[in-house]
């Protein structure tokens, strides 16, 4: 109750307005605020957090605003992505040393039983940088497509009896990865058949393409612009060993590849671009690959 007014009146005094606590000016607004579809006030606690973003306000529900909000957070976290659901399965088989020749013969003879179900991008064996290893890439429209393909293969007796039964005794171990082409790269083709492919694997720092895209793209373009080699594709993984980038180059021959590398090492533009990108790298390795006769990329 307020103090009684003079003259015996019991009228209530007007309560003073209570202002919310002010945050320091530097914390009132962040870059994320301009994207916030919920129109949160500048002092919104989860918006000021420097750590991982908590769930969006419950008021967003699961409607169009929520989807926009989720897309914004995804783009801020990982950067641009391809605008479709196509992905690539990279399969790597380690072959028993005494069985490598037989493995090549089996795939070349019976691979048509497998490609009847989905698209094969490329099939190679390692020549330098690794031994007794084969790498192949399969393209899928989406995960439902892959599930349907695997189901069909499980019921394909010809594939199981002719290819799979011959192949399994030759393999020591195998693994696969799900990878996407980076948005600024389309899958290329060599100018002619023959030659060798360089497969370079970069282990990058966590953070996704949003972290390393600009510097990495500049380093790739520096090699392309100097015509030292032909780019086939740049992939980043989403399942398997994460924070991995695979880059595939084509060279006319191993000697052509060696000359190109020496020239790149002496090119100031290439060196500068590479030096800027190494701050995002943890490790890297490469291998030279020879395409199988059955490989679409030869």
Protein backbone atom coordinates (compact mmCIF):
# COMPACT_ATOMS: atom_id res chain seq x y z
CA UNK A 1 0.00 0.00 0.00
CA UNK A 2 1.17 3.56 -0.67
CA UNK A 3 1.59 6.34 1.82
CA UNK A 4 -1.81 8.08 2.74
CA UNK A 5 -2.19 11.40 0.97
CA UNK A 6 -2.57 14.61 2.99
CA UNK A 7 -6.14 15.25 4.12
CA UNK A 8 -6.70 11.64 5.09
CA UNK A 9 -6.96 10.30 1.55
CA UNK A 10 -5.93 6.71 1.10
CA UNK A 11 -5.10 7.09 -2.63
CA UNK A 12 -2.19 4.91 -3.76
CA UNK A 13 1.05 6.47 -4.90
CA UNK A 14 2.02 5.72 -8.52
CA UNK A 15 4.57 2.88 -8.55
CA UNK A 16 7.90 3.63 -10.09
CA UNK A 17 8.70 1.89 -13.37
CA UNK A 18 11.20 -0.90 -13.06
CA UNK A 19 13.68 -1.01 -15.91
CA UNK A 20 15.28 -4.32 -16.92
CA UNK A 21 19.00 -4.61 -16.20
CA UNK A 22 21.10 -3.26 -19.02
CA UNK A 23 23.85 -5.29 -20.54
CA UNK A 24 27.10 -3.69 -21.69
CA UNK A 25 26.74 -2.07 -25.09
CA UNK A 26 29.23 -4.51 -26.64
CA UNK A 27 26.94 -7.39 -25.64
CA UNK A 28 23.60 -5.94 -26.70
CA UNK A 29 23.67 -7.10 -30.28
CA UNK A 30 25.50 -9.79 -32.17
CA UNK A 31 25.80 -10.61 -35.82
CA UNK A 32 23.32 -13.43 -35.34
CA UNK A 33 20.60 -10.99 -34.20
CA UNK A 34 19.96 -9.68 -37.67
CA UNK A 35 19.10 -13.25 -38.76
CA UNK A 36 16.91 -14.16 -35.79
CA UNK A 37 13.41 -14.96 -37.15
CA UNK A 38 11.95 -14.80 -33.63
CA UNK A 39 12.79 -11.06 -33.35
CA UNK A 40 14.43 -11.69 -30.00
CA UNK A 41 15.45 -8.61 -28.02
CA UNK A 42 19.11 -7.67 -28.24
CA UNK A 43 19.67 -8.88 -24.68
CA UNK A 44 18.41 -12.39 -25.41
CA UNK A 45 20.73 -14.58 -23.24
CA UNK A 46 21.12 -17.49 -25.69
CA UNK A 47 21.91 -15.05 -28.47
CA UNK A 48 24.75 -13.52 -26.47
CA UNK A 49 26.32 -16.88 -25.72
CA UNK A 50 29.66 -17.54 -27.35
CA UNK A 51 29.18 -21.28 -27.00
CA UNK A 52 26.99 -23.68 -28.98
CA UNK A 53 23.56 -22.27 -29.77
CA UNK A 54 20.79 -23.68 -27.56
CA UNK A 55 17.46 -24.76 -29.01
CA UNK A 56 15.35 -21.97 -30.56
CA UNK A 57 12.48 -20.47 -28.53
CA UNK A 58 9.48 -22.76 -28.16
CA UNK A 59 7.33 -20.08 -29.80
CA UNK A 60 8.90 -20.98 -33.16
CA UNK A 61 7.13 -24.33 -33.18
CA UNK A 62 7.87 -26.49 -36.19
CA UNK A 63 6.45 -24.26 -38.92
CA UNK A 64 8.10 -22.22 -41.71
CA UNK A 65 9.76 -19.86 -39.23
CA UNK A 66 11.40 -22.78 -37.44
CA UNK A 67 12.69 -24.19 -40.74
CA UNK A 68 14.15 -20.83 -41.71
CA UNK A 69 15.75 -20.56 -38.28
CA UNK A 70 17.28 -24.05 -38.63
CA UNK A 71 18.59 -23.30 -42.11
CA UNK A 72 20.23 -20.10 -40.89
CA UNK A 73 21.96 -21.87 -38.01
CA UNK A 74 23.13 -24.62 -40.36
CA UNK A 75 24.57 -22.13 -42.82
CA UNK A 76 26.34 -20.24 -40.05
CA UNK A 77 27.82 -23.49 -38.72
CA UNK A 78 28.96 -25.18 -41.93
CA UNK A 79 28.80 -22.66 -44.75
CA UNK A 80 27.20 -23.09 -48.21
CA UNK A 81 26.18 -26.53 -49.37
CA UNK A 82 25.10 -28.16 -52.61
CA UNK A 83 21.46 -27.38 -53.34
CA UNK A 84 20.41 -31.00 -53.73
CA UNK A 85 20.47 -34.28 -51.84
CA UNK A 86 23.01 -36.05 -54.07
CA UNK A 87 25.86 -37.63 -52.18
CA UNK A 88 28.77 -39.94 -52.95
CA UNK A 89 29.77 -43.11 -51.17
CA UNK A 90 33.54 -43.58 -51.17
CA UNK A 91 34.45 -47.22 -50.60
CA UNK A 92 38.03 -48.32 -49.87
CA UNK A 93 39.09 -51.97 -49.94
CA UNK A 94 42.43 -53.27 -48.69
CA UNK A 95 43.25 -56.32 -50.78
CA UNK A 96 45.42 -59.26 -49.77
CA UNK A 97 48.82 -58.70 -51.41
CA UNK A 98 48.77 -62.01 -53.27
CA UNK A 99 45.23 -61.40 -54.55
CA UNK A 100 45.50 -57.96 -56.15
CA UNK A 101 45.71 -59.24 -59.74
CA UNK A 102 42.70 -61.49 -59.21
CA UNK A 103 40.76 -58.60 -57.67
CA UNK A 104 41.30 -56.43 -60.75
CA UNK A 105 40.16 -59.24 -63.03
CA UNK A 106 37.02 -59.93 -61.00
CA UNK A 107 35.90 -56.31 -60.96
CA UNK A 108 36.59 -55.71 -64.63
CA UNK A 109 34.68 -58.84 -65.62
CA UNK A 110 31.65 -58.63 -63.32
CA UNK A 111 31.24 -54.96 -62.37
CA UNK A 112 28.30 -54.63 -64.79
CA UNK A 113 26.24 -56.66 -62.32
CA UNK A 114 26.79 -53.92 -59.74
CA UNK A 115 26.43 -50.88 -62.02
CA UNK A 116 23.02 -52.20 -63.08
CA UNK A 117 21.78 -50.89 -59.72
CA UNK A 118 23.48 -47.49 -59.31
CA UNK A 119 25.98 -45.15 -60.93
CA UNK A 120 29.69 -45.80 -60.62
CA UNK A 121 31.78 -42.59 -60.76
CA UNK A 122 35.29 -44.03 -60.68
CA UNK A 123 37.29 -47.12 -59.77
CA UNK A 124 41.04 -47.09 -59.11
CA UNK A 125 43.90 -49.04 -57.61
CA UNK A 126 46.71 -47.37 -55.69
CA UNK A 127 50.08 -47.26 -57.44
CA UNK A 128 52.11 -44.94 -55.19
CA UNK A 129 51.43 -43.67 -51.68
CA UNK A 130 49.55 -46.86 -50.77
CA UNK A 131 49.67 -50.50 -51.79
CA UNK A 132 47.08 -53.20 -52.40
CA UNK A 133 44.25 -50.71 -52.08
CA UNK A 134 41.30 -50.02 -54.35
CA UNK A 135 39.02 -46.98 -54.16
CA UNK A 136 35.64 -46.58 -55.84
CA UNK A 137 32.96 -43.88 -55.74
CA UNK A 138 29.22 -44.45 -56.11
CA UNK A 139 26.64 -41.72 -56.68
CA UNK A 140 23.20 -41.65 -55.01
CA UNK A 141 20.28 -39.27 -55.35
CA UNK A 142 19.58 -39.48 -51.61
CA UNK A 143 19.69 -41.96 -48.73
CA UNK A 144 16.38 -43.54 -49.71
CA UNK A 145 17.92 -44.29 -53.11
CA UNK A 146 20.90 -46.01 -51.48
CA UNK A 147 18.62 -48.04 -49.22
CA UNK A 148 16.66 -49.24 -52.24
CA UNK A 149 19.87 -50.16 -54.05
CA UNK A 150 21.22 -52.14 -51.10
CA UNK A 151 17.89 -53.95 -50.79
CA UNK A 152 17.97 -54.83 -54.48
CA UNK A 153 21.54 -56.12 -54.22
CA UNK A 154 20.59 -58.32 -51.29
CA UNK A 155 18.10 -60.02 -53.60
CA UNK A 156 20.29 -60.13 -56.70
CA UNK A 157 21.54 -63.72 -56.93
CA UNK A 158 23.63 -63.08 -60.05
CA UNK A 159 25.60 -60.29 -58.33
CA UNK A 160 26.08 -62.37 -55.19
CA UNK A 161 27.23 -65.52 -56.97
CA UNK A 162 29.36 -64.01 -59.75
CA UNK A 163 30.93 -60.97 -58.08
CA UNK A 164 30.46 -60.96 -54.32
CA UNK A 165 31.38 -64.61 -53.71
CA UNK A 166 34.61 -64.16 -55.68
CA UNK A 167 35.49 -60.80 -54.13
CA UNK A 168 35.04 -61.40 -50.40
CA UNK A 169 37.94 -63.90 -50.02
CA UNK A 170 40.29 -61.30 -51.58
CA UNK A 171 39.58 -58.47 -49.10
CA UNK A 172 41.44 -57.92 -45.83
CA UNK A 173 39.36 -54.96 -44.66
CA UNK A 174 37.09 -52.27 -46.04
CA UNK A 175 35.46 -49.01 -45.03
CA UNK A 176 33.20 -46.39 -46.55
CA UNK A 177 32.46 -42.69 -46.22
CA UNK A 178 29.57 -40.42 -47.17
CA UNK A 179 30.83 -37.32 -48.95
CA UNK A 180 29.40 -34.31 -50.74
CA UNK A 181 30.90 -32.20 -53.49
CA UNK A 182 31.71 -28.74 -52.18
CA UNK A 183 29.26 -26.15 -53.63
CA UNK A 184 31.92 -24.41 -55.70
CA UNK A 185 33.01 -27.58 -57.50
CA UNK A 186 31.30 -29.71 -60.11
CA UNK A 187 32.45 -33.23 -60.91
CA UNK A 188 34.91 -33.01 -63.79
CA UNK A 189 36.26 -35.37 -66.42
CA UNK A 190 39.79 -35.79 -67.77
CA UNK A 191 40.52 -34.33 -71.22
CA UNK A 192 41.37 -37.82 -72.50
CA UNK A 193 41.59 -41.41 -71.35
CA UNK A 194 44.70 -42.73 -69.68
CA UNK A 195 46.95 -40.94 -67.25
CA UNK A 196 47.02 -41.11 -63.47
CA UNK A 197 44.88 -39.65 -60.73
CA UNK A 198 46.23 -38.01 -57.60
CA UNK A 199 43.97 -38.51 -54.58
CA UNK A 200 44.83 -36.00 -51.86
CA UNK A 201 43.24 -36.30 -48.43
CA UNK A 202 43.27 -33.33 -46.05
CA UNK A 203 42.36 -33.64 -42.39
CA UNK A 204 41.10 -30.15 -41.55
CA UNK A 205 40.29 -28.47 -38.27
CA UNK A 206 36.71 -28.90 -37.00
CA UNK A 207 34.26 -26.23 -38.09
CA UNK A 208 33.08 -27.32 -41.51
CA UNK A 209 33.37 -25.54 -44.87
CA UNK A 210 32.39 -22.23 -43.25
CA UNK A 211 35.77 -22.29 -41.52
CA UNK A 212 38.13 -23.33 -44.32
CA UNK A 213 36.17 -22.77 -47.56
CA UNK A 214 37.60 -19.41 -48.64
CA UNK A 215 41.26 -20.21 -48.06
CA UNK A 216 40.92 -23.76 -49.37
CA UNK A 217 39.13 -22.66 -52.52
CA UNK A 218 41.84 -20.07 -53.18
CA UNK A 219 44.53 -22.74 -52.92
CA UNK A 220 42.64 -25.06 -55.29
CA UNK A 221 42.03 -22.25 -57.80
CA UNK A 222 45.69 -21.27 -57.71
CA UNK A 223 46.59 -24.72 -59.03
CA UNK A 224 43.79 -24.69 -61.60
CA UNK A 225 44.64 -21.24 -62.93
CA UNK A 226 48.28 -22.20 -63.48
CA UNK A 227 47.23 -25.29 -65.46
CA UNK A 228 49.51 -27.64 -63.56
CA UNK A 229 46.85 -30.33 -63.29
CA UNK A 230 43.17 -31.04 -64.03
CA UNK A 231 40.69 -30.92 -61.14
CA UNK A 232 38.17 -33.76 -61.03
CA UNK A 233 36.39 -33.10 -57.73
CA UNK A 234 36.54 -31.79 -54.17
CA UNK A 235 34.57 -33.74 -51.57
CA UNK A 236 34.01 -33.20 -47.86
CA UNK A 237 32.84 -36.01 -45.58
CA UNK A 238 29.64 -36.15 -43.54
CA UNK A 239 29.94 -39.74 -42.33
CA UNK A 240 33.07 -41.70 -41.55
CA UNK A 241 36.19 -39.77 -40.60
CA UNK A 242 34.76 -36.27 -40.23
CA UNK A 243 36.51 -33.01 -41.11
CA UNK A 244 38.08 -34.74 -44.10
CA UNK A 245 38.43 -33.27 -47.58
CA UNK A 246 39.28 -35.42 -50.58
CA UNK A 247 40.61 -33.73 -53.73
CA UNK A 248 41.01 -35.68 -56.97
CA UNK A 249 43.34 -34.45 -59.73
CA UNK A 250 44.09 -35.91 -63.16
CA UNK A 251 47.55 -35.92 -64.72
CA UNK A 252 48.67 -37.14 -68.09
CA UNK A 253 51.40 -39.33 -66.58
CA UNK A 254 53.38 -39.74 -63.35
CA UNK A 255 56.16 -37.63 -64.88
CA UNK A 256 53.67 -34.92 -65.80
CA UNK A 257 52.43 -35.00 -62.20
CA UNK A 258 55.99 -34.66 -60.85
CA UNK A 259 56.77 -31.71 -63.14
CA UNK A 260 53.53 -30.01 -62.12
CA UNK A 261 54.33 -30.35 -58.43
CA UNK A 262 57.81 -28.89 -58.88
CA UNK A 263 56.39 -25.99 -60.88
CA UNK A 264 53.74 -25.33 -58.23
CA UNK A 265 56.38 -25.25 -55.49
CA UNK A 266 58.20 -22.51 -57.41
CA UNK A 267 55.09 -20.46 -58.25
CA UNK A 268 54.74 -17.51 -55.86
CA UNK A 269 50.94 -17.29 -56.32
CA UNK A 270 50.44 -20.96 -55.55
CA UNK A 271 52.81 -20.85 -52.59
CA UNK A 272 51.03 -17.82 -51.11
CA UNK A 273 47.59 -19.43 -51.47
CA UNK A 274 48.76 -22.70 -49.95
CA UNK A 275 50.47 -20.97 -47.04
CA UNK A 276 47.21 -19.20 -46.23
CA UNK A 277 45.27 -22.47 -46.22
CA UNK A 278 47.63 -24.55 -44.05
CA UNK A 279 46.40 -22.82 -40.89
CA UNK A 280 43.26 -24.94 -41.21
CA UNK A 281 45.07 -28.25 -41.74
CA UNK A 282 45.81 -31.00 -39.25
CA UNK A 283 47.44 -33.41 -41.71
CA UNK A 284 47.46 -34.46 -45.34
CA UNK A 285 48.44 -37.40 -47.50
CA UNK A 286 48.20 -38.41 -51.12
CA UNK A 287 48.42 -41.39 -53.44
CA UNK A 288 48.61 -41.93 -57.18
CA UNK A 289 45.84 -44.06 -58.62
CA UNK A 290 45.50 -46.07 -61.83
CA UNK A 291 41.92 -46.40 -63.18
CA UNK A 292 40.42 -49.84 -63.69
CA UNK A 293 39.33 -50.78 -67.17
CA UNK A 294 35.74 -50.68 -65.87
CA UNK A 295 36.08 -47.16 -64.43
CA UNK A 296 33.97 -44.42 -66.06
CA UNK A 297 36.80 -42.00 -65.17
CA UNK A 298 39.78 -43.36 -67.11
